[in-house]
Amino acid sequence: MPLNVYLSGEIHTDWREQIIEGAADLAVEFNSPVTDHDASDDCGVAILGEEPNKYWHDHKGAMVNAIRTRKGIADADVVVVRFGEKYKQWNAAFDAGYASALGKSIIVLNPPEHQHPLKEVHAAALAVAEQPAQVVEILRYVLTGKIPG
């Protein structure tokens, strides 16, 4: 039973690579948004033309990025949403809500200090992890029925 896993959320740490490397022996296909911050911000104007107003610059980029995000979440069996320590990931919260509305299985990954502000997001998740290795172990259990140790 292979899984399609969409890795959503913060782009400033290597959490995606940790999960992908940890799950290398599992039947998992990973997808994610564009994680090059500049490319993600500027894709709309680079493709569709410059905008003098920053609002429309960002709006074009958000719309173009949404094509990939919607496809990735719609095709996913599991959506992992990472909330990092430093930045507010409003897009990650939106992705979690979208995945929940589609009935996707959600794993939230965040530091313990974000427990309270993310309580509603946690309520929609099937698991809440603090470390990428825990996400790998959840995927391993789902695919093999084996617990760590």
C-alpha atoms as a PDB file:
ATOM      1  CA  MET A   1       0.000   0.000   0.000  1.00  0.00           C
ATOM      2  CA  PRO A   2       2.133   2.970  -1.164  1.00  0.00           C
ATOM      3  CA  LEU A   3       1.423   6.412   0.258  1.00  0.00           C
ATOM      4  CA  ASN A   4       1.480   9.817  -1.387  1.00  0.00           C
ATOM      5  CA  VAL A   5       2.617  12.329   1.256  1.00  0.00           C
ATOM      6  CA  TYR A   6       2.467  16.105   0.814  1.00  0.00           C
ATOM      7  CA  LEU A   7       4.962  18.056   2.947  1.00  0.00           C
ATOM      8  CA  SER A   8       3.548  21.516   3.666  1.00  0.00           C
ATOM      9  CA  GLY A   9       4.826  24.358   5.797  1.00  0.00           C
ATOM     10  CA  GLU A  10       7.964  26.191   6.767  1.00  0.00           C
ATOM     11  CA  ILE A  11      10.835  26.278   4.304  1.00  0.00           C
ATOM     12  CA  HIS A  12      13.729  27.488   6.457  1.00  0.00           C
ATOM     13  CA  THR A  13      14.935  24.183   7.951  1.00  0.00           C
ATOM     14  CA  ASP A  14      15.748  20.700   6.626  1.00  0.00           C
ATOM     15  CA  TRP A  15      12.735  18.908   8.139  1.00  0.00           C
ATOM     16  CA  ARG A  16      11.580  17.701   4.705  1.00  0.00           C
ATOM     17  CA  GLU A  17      14.944  16.115   3.957  1.00  0.00           C
ATOM     18  CA  GLN A  18      14.952  14.410   7.383  1.00  0.00           C
ATOM     19  CA  ILE A  19      11.571  12.819   6.672  1.00  0.00           C
ATOM     20  CA  ILE A  20      12.427  11.830   3.089  1.00  0.00           C
ATOM     21  CA  GLU A  21      15.759  10.284   4.154  1.00  0.00           C
ATOM     22  CA  GLY A  22      14.193   8.523   7.145  1.00  0.00           C
ATOM     23  CA  ALA A  23      11.467   7.012   4.972  1.00  0.00           C
ATOM     24  CA  ALA A  24      13.767   6.003   2.107  1.00  0.00           C
ATOM     25  CA  ASP A  25      13.014   2.318   2.684  1.00  0.00           C
ATOM     26  CA  LEU A  26       9.229   2.834   2.661  1.00  0.00           C
ATOM     27  CA  ALA A  27       6.766   2.887  -0.243  1.00  0.00           C
ATOM     28  CA  VAL A  28       6.201   6.640  -0.048  1.00  0.00           C
ATOM     29  CA  GLU A  29       6.117   9.302  -2.735  1.00  0.00           C
ATOM     30  CA  PHE A  30       6.719  12.808  -1.398  1.00  0.00           C
ATOM     31  CA  ASN A  31       5.528  16.086  -2.877  1.00  0.00           C
ATOM     32  CA  SER A  32       5.753  19.634  -1.591  1.00  0.00           C
ATOM     33  CA  PRO A  33       5.313  23.263  -2.545  1.00  0.00           C
ATOM     34  CA  VAL A  34       8.160  25.139  -4.192  1.00  0.00           C
ATOM     35  CA  THR A  35      10.634  25.667  -1.347  1.00  0.00           C
ATOM     36  CA  ASP A  36      12.806  28.286  -3.069  1.00  0.00           C
ATOM     37  CA  HIS A  37      11.440  31.347  -1.265  1.00  0.00           C
ATOM     38  CA  ASP A  38      12.383  33.871  -3.985  1.00  0.00           C
ATOM     39  CA  ALA A  39      10.970  31.695  -6.778  1.00  0.00           C
ATOM     40  CA  SER A  40       7.755  31.175  -4.821  1.00  0.00           C
ATOM     41  CA  ASP A  41       7.370  34.907  -4.168  1.00  0.00           C
ATOM     42  CA  ASP A  42       8.220  36.033  -7.700  1.00  0.00           C
ATOM     43  CA  CYS A  43       6.756  33.289  -9.933  1.00  0.00           C
ATOM     44  CA  GLY A  44       3.608  35.236 -10.765  1.00  0.00           C
ATOM     45  CA  VAL A  45       5.328  38.367 -12.018  1.00  0.00           C
ATOM     46  CA  ALA A  46       8.139  36.383 -13.669  1.00  0.00           C
ATOM     47  CA  ILE A  47       5.578  34.488 -15.755  1.00  0.00           C
ATOM     48  CA  LEU A  48       2.612  36.863 -16.048  1.00  0.00           C
ATOM     49  CA  GLY A  49       4.282  40.276 -15.963  1.00  0.00           C
ATOM     50  CA  GLU A  50       5.432  42.881 -13.483  1.00  0.00           C
ATOM     51  CA  GLU A  51       3.109  44.610 -11.036  1.00  0.00           C
ATOM     52  CA  PRO A  52       3.789  48.070  -9.627  1.00  0.00           C
ATOM     53  CA  ASN A  53       1.722  47.312  -6.528  1.00  0.00           C
ATOM     54  CA  LYS A  54       3.211  44.759  -4.068  1.00  0.00           C
ATOM     55  CA  TYR A  55      -0.269  43.427  -3.262  1.00  0.00           C
ATOM     56  CA  TRP A  56      -0.811  42.347  -6.887  1.00  0.00           C
ATOM     57  CA  HIS A  57       2.767  41.069  -7.121  1.00  0.00           C
ATOM     58  CA  ASP A  58       2.101  38.754  -4.147  1.00  0.00           C
ATOM     59  CA  HIS A  59      -1.392  37.884  -5.366  1.00  0.00           C
ATOM     60  CA  LYS A  60      -0.119  36.672  -8.737  1.00  0.00           C
ATOM     61  CA  GLY A  61       2.472  34.500  -7.026  1.00  0.00           C
ATOM     62  CA  ALA A  62      -0.063  33.074  -4.584  1.00  0.00           C
ATOM     63  CA  MET A  63      -2.412  32.132  -7.416  1.00  0.00           C
ATOM     64  CA  VAL A  64       0.284  30.407  -9.459  1.00  0.00           C
ATOM     65  CA  ASN A  65       1.587  28.566  -6.372  1.00  0.00           C
ATOM     66  CA  ALA A  66      -1.970  27.491  -5.512  1.00  0.00           C
ATOM     67  CA  ILE A  67      -2.080  25.368  -8.681  1.00  0.00           C
ATOM     68  CA  ARG A  68       0.713  23.167  -7.338  1.00  0.00           C
ATOM     69  CA  THR A  69      -0.548  23.251  -3.741  1.00  0.00           C
ATOM     70  CA  ARG A  70      -4.110  22.239  -4.634  1.00  0.00           C
ATOM     71  CA  LYS A  71      -2.893  19.389  -6.830  1.00  0.00           C
ATOM     72  CA  GLY A  72      -0.431  18.156  -4.209  1.00  0.00           C
ATOM     73  CA  ILE A  73      -2.959  18.173  -1.374  1.00  0.00           C
ATOM     74  CA  ALA A  74      -5.761  16.702  -3.506  1.00  0.00           C
ATOM     75  CA  ASP A  75      -3.550  13.778  -4.567  1.00  0.00           C
ATOM     76  CA  ALA A  76      -2.114  13.155  -1.086  1.00  0.00           C
ATOM     77  CA  ASP A  77      -3.040  10.284   1.200  1.00  0.00           C
ATOM     78  CA  VAL A  78      -1.336  12.069   4.094  1.00  0.00           C
ATOM     79  CA  VAL A  79      -0.552  15.776   4.517  1.00  0.00           C
ATOM     80  CA  VAL A  80       2.243  16.716   6.915  1.00  0.00           C
ATOM     81  CA  VAL A  81       2.044  20.361   7.976  1.00  0.00           C
ATOM     82  CA  ARG A  82       5.120  21.866   9.660  1.00  0.00           C
ATOM     83  CA  PHE A  83       4.942  24.988  11.797  1.00  0.00           C
ATOM     84  CA  GLY A  84       8.441  26.232  12.630  1.00  0.00           C
ATOM     85  CA  GLU A  85       9.830  28.239  15.491  1.00  0.00           C
ATOM     86  CA  LYS A  86      10.711  31.533  13.828  1.00  0.00           C
ATOM     87  CA  TYR A  87       8.031  32.562  11.326  1.00  0.00           C
ATOM     88  CA  LYS A  88       4.251  32.513  11.322  1.00  0.00           C
ATOM     89  CA  GLN A  89       3.298  30.088   8.569  1.00  0.00           C
ATOM     90  CA  TRP A  90      -0.167  31.337   7.644  1.00  0.00           C
ATOM     91  CA  ASN A  91       0.020  29.357   4.413  1.00  0.00           C
ATOM     92  CA  ALA A  92       0.603  26.175   6.415  1.00  0.00           C
ATOM     93  CA  ALA A  93      -2.521  26.839   8.468  1.00  0.00           C
ATOM     94  CA  PHE A  94      -4.454  27.375   5.253  1.00  0.00           C
ATOM     95  CA  ASP A  95      -3.069  24.128   3.801  1.00  0.00           C
ATOM     96  CA  ALA A  96      -4.110  22.258   6.957  1.00  0.00           C
ATOM     97  CA  GLY A  97      -7.633  23.650   6.690  1.00  0.00           C
ATOM     98  CA  TYR A  98      -7.848  22.801   2.999  1.00  0.00           C
ATOM     99  CA  ALA A  99      -6.584  19.266   3.640  1.00  0.00           C
ATOM    100  CA  SER A 100      -9.092  18.868   6.476  1.00  0.00           C
ATOM    101  CA  ALA A 101     -11.946  20.024   4.246  1.00  0.00           C
ATOM    102  CA  LEU A 102     -10.913  17.371   1.709  1.00  0.00           C
ATOM    103  CA  GLY A 103     -10.905  14.683   4.417  1.00  0.00           C
ATOM    104  CA  LYS A 104      -7.154  14.094   4.206  1.00  0.00           C
ATOM    105  CA  SER A 105      -5.179  12.459   7.002  1.00  0.00           C
ATOM    106  CA  ILE A 106      -3.121  15.231   8.599  1.00  0.00           C
ATOM    107  CA  ILE A 107       0.028  15.038  10.697  1.00  0.00           C
ATOM    108  CA  VAL A 108       1.023  18.338  12.293  1.00  0.00           C
ATOM    109  CA  LEU A 109       4.688  18.890  13.123  1.00  0.00           C
ATOM    110  CA  ASN A 110       5.532  21.737  15.494  1.00  0.00           C
ATOM    111  CA  PRO A 111       7.565  22.643  18.577  1.00  0.00           C
ATOM    112  CA  PRO A 112       5.782  22.205  21.933  1.00  0.00           C
ATOM    113  CA  GLU A 113       5.545  25.949  22.552  1.00  0.00           C
ATOM    114  CA  HIS A 114       3.087  26.227  19.646  1.00  0.00           C
ATOM    115  CA  GLN A 115       0.626  23.763  21.176  1.00  0.00           C
ATOM    116  CA  HIS A 116      -1.836  26.384  22.403  1.00  0.00           C
ATOM    117  CA  PRO A 117      -1.912  28.650  19.325  1.00  0.00           C
ATOM    118  CA  LEU A 118      -2.359  25.594  17.083  1.00  0.00           C
ATOM    119  CA  LYS A 119      -5.011  23.820  19.153  1.00  0.00           C
ATOM    120  CA  GLU A 120      -7.671  24.101  16.436  1.00  0.00           C
ATOM    121  CA  VAL A 121      -5.261  22.821  13.790  1.00  0.00           C
ATOM    122  CA  HIS A 122      -4.277  19.985  16.139  1.00  0.00           C
ATOM    123  CA  ALA A 123      -7.953  19.097  16.592  1.00  0.00           C
ATOM    124  CA  ALA A 124      -8.202  18.429  12.829  1.00  0.00           C
ATOM    125  CA  ALA A 125      -5.034  16.312  12.773  1.00  0.00           C
ATOM    126  CA  LEU A 126      -4.781  12.568  13.310  1.00  0.00           C
ATOM    127  CA  ALA A 127      -1.332  12.986  14.892  1.00  0.00           C
ATOM    128  CA  VAL A 128       0.755  15.820  16.310  1.00  0.00           C
ATOM    129  CA  ALA A 129       4.534  15.327  16.291  1.00  0.00           C
ATOM    130  CA  GLU A 130       7.408  17.407  17.584  1.00  0.00           C
ATOM    131  CA  GLN A 131      10.239  15.810  15.566  1.00  0.00           C
ATOM    132  CA  PRO A 132      10.575  14.737  11.914  1.00  0.00           C
ATOM    133  CA  ALA A 133      11.664  11.270  13.111  1.00  0.00           C
ATOM    134  CA  GLN A 134       8.250  10.838  14.747  1.00  0.00           C
ATOM    135  CA  VAL A 135       6.589  11.505  11.394  1.00  0.00           C
ATOM    136  CA  VAL A 136       8.789   8.826   9.824  1.00  0.00           C
ATOM    137  CA  GLU A 137       7.764   6.348  12.531  1.00  0.00           C
ATOM    138  CA  ILE A 138       4.077   7.147  11.959  1.00  0.00           C
ATOM    139  CA  LEU A 139       4.501   6.479   8.230  1.00  0.00           C
ATOM    140  CA  ARG A 140       6.428   3.277   8.979  1.00  0.00           C
ATOM    141  CA  TYR A 141       3.670   2.072  11.305  1.00  0.00           C
ATOM    142  CA  VAL A 142       0.912   2.911   8.814  1.00  0.00           C
ATOM    143  CA  LEU A 143       2.707   1.000   6.046  1.00  0.00           C
ATOM    144  CA  THR A 144       4.099  -1.963   8.001  1.00  0.00           C
ATOM    145  CA  GLY A 145       2.198  -2.192  11.297  1.00  0.00           C
ATOM    146  CA  LYS A 146       5.529  -2.138  13.146  1.00  0.00           C
ATOM    147  CA  ILE A 147       6.212   0.110  16.107  1.00  0.00           C
ATOM    148  CA  PRO A 148       9.701   1.452  16.868  1.00  0.00           C
ATOM    149  CA  GLY A 149      12.069  -0.516  19.066  1.00  0.00           C
END
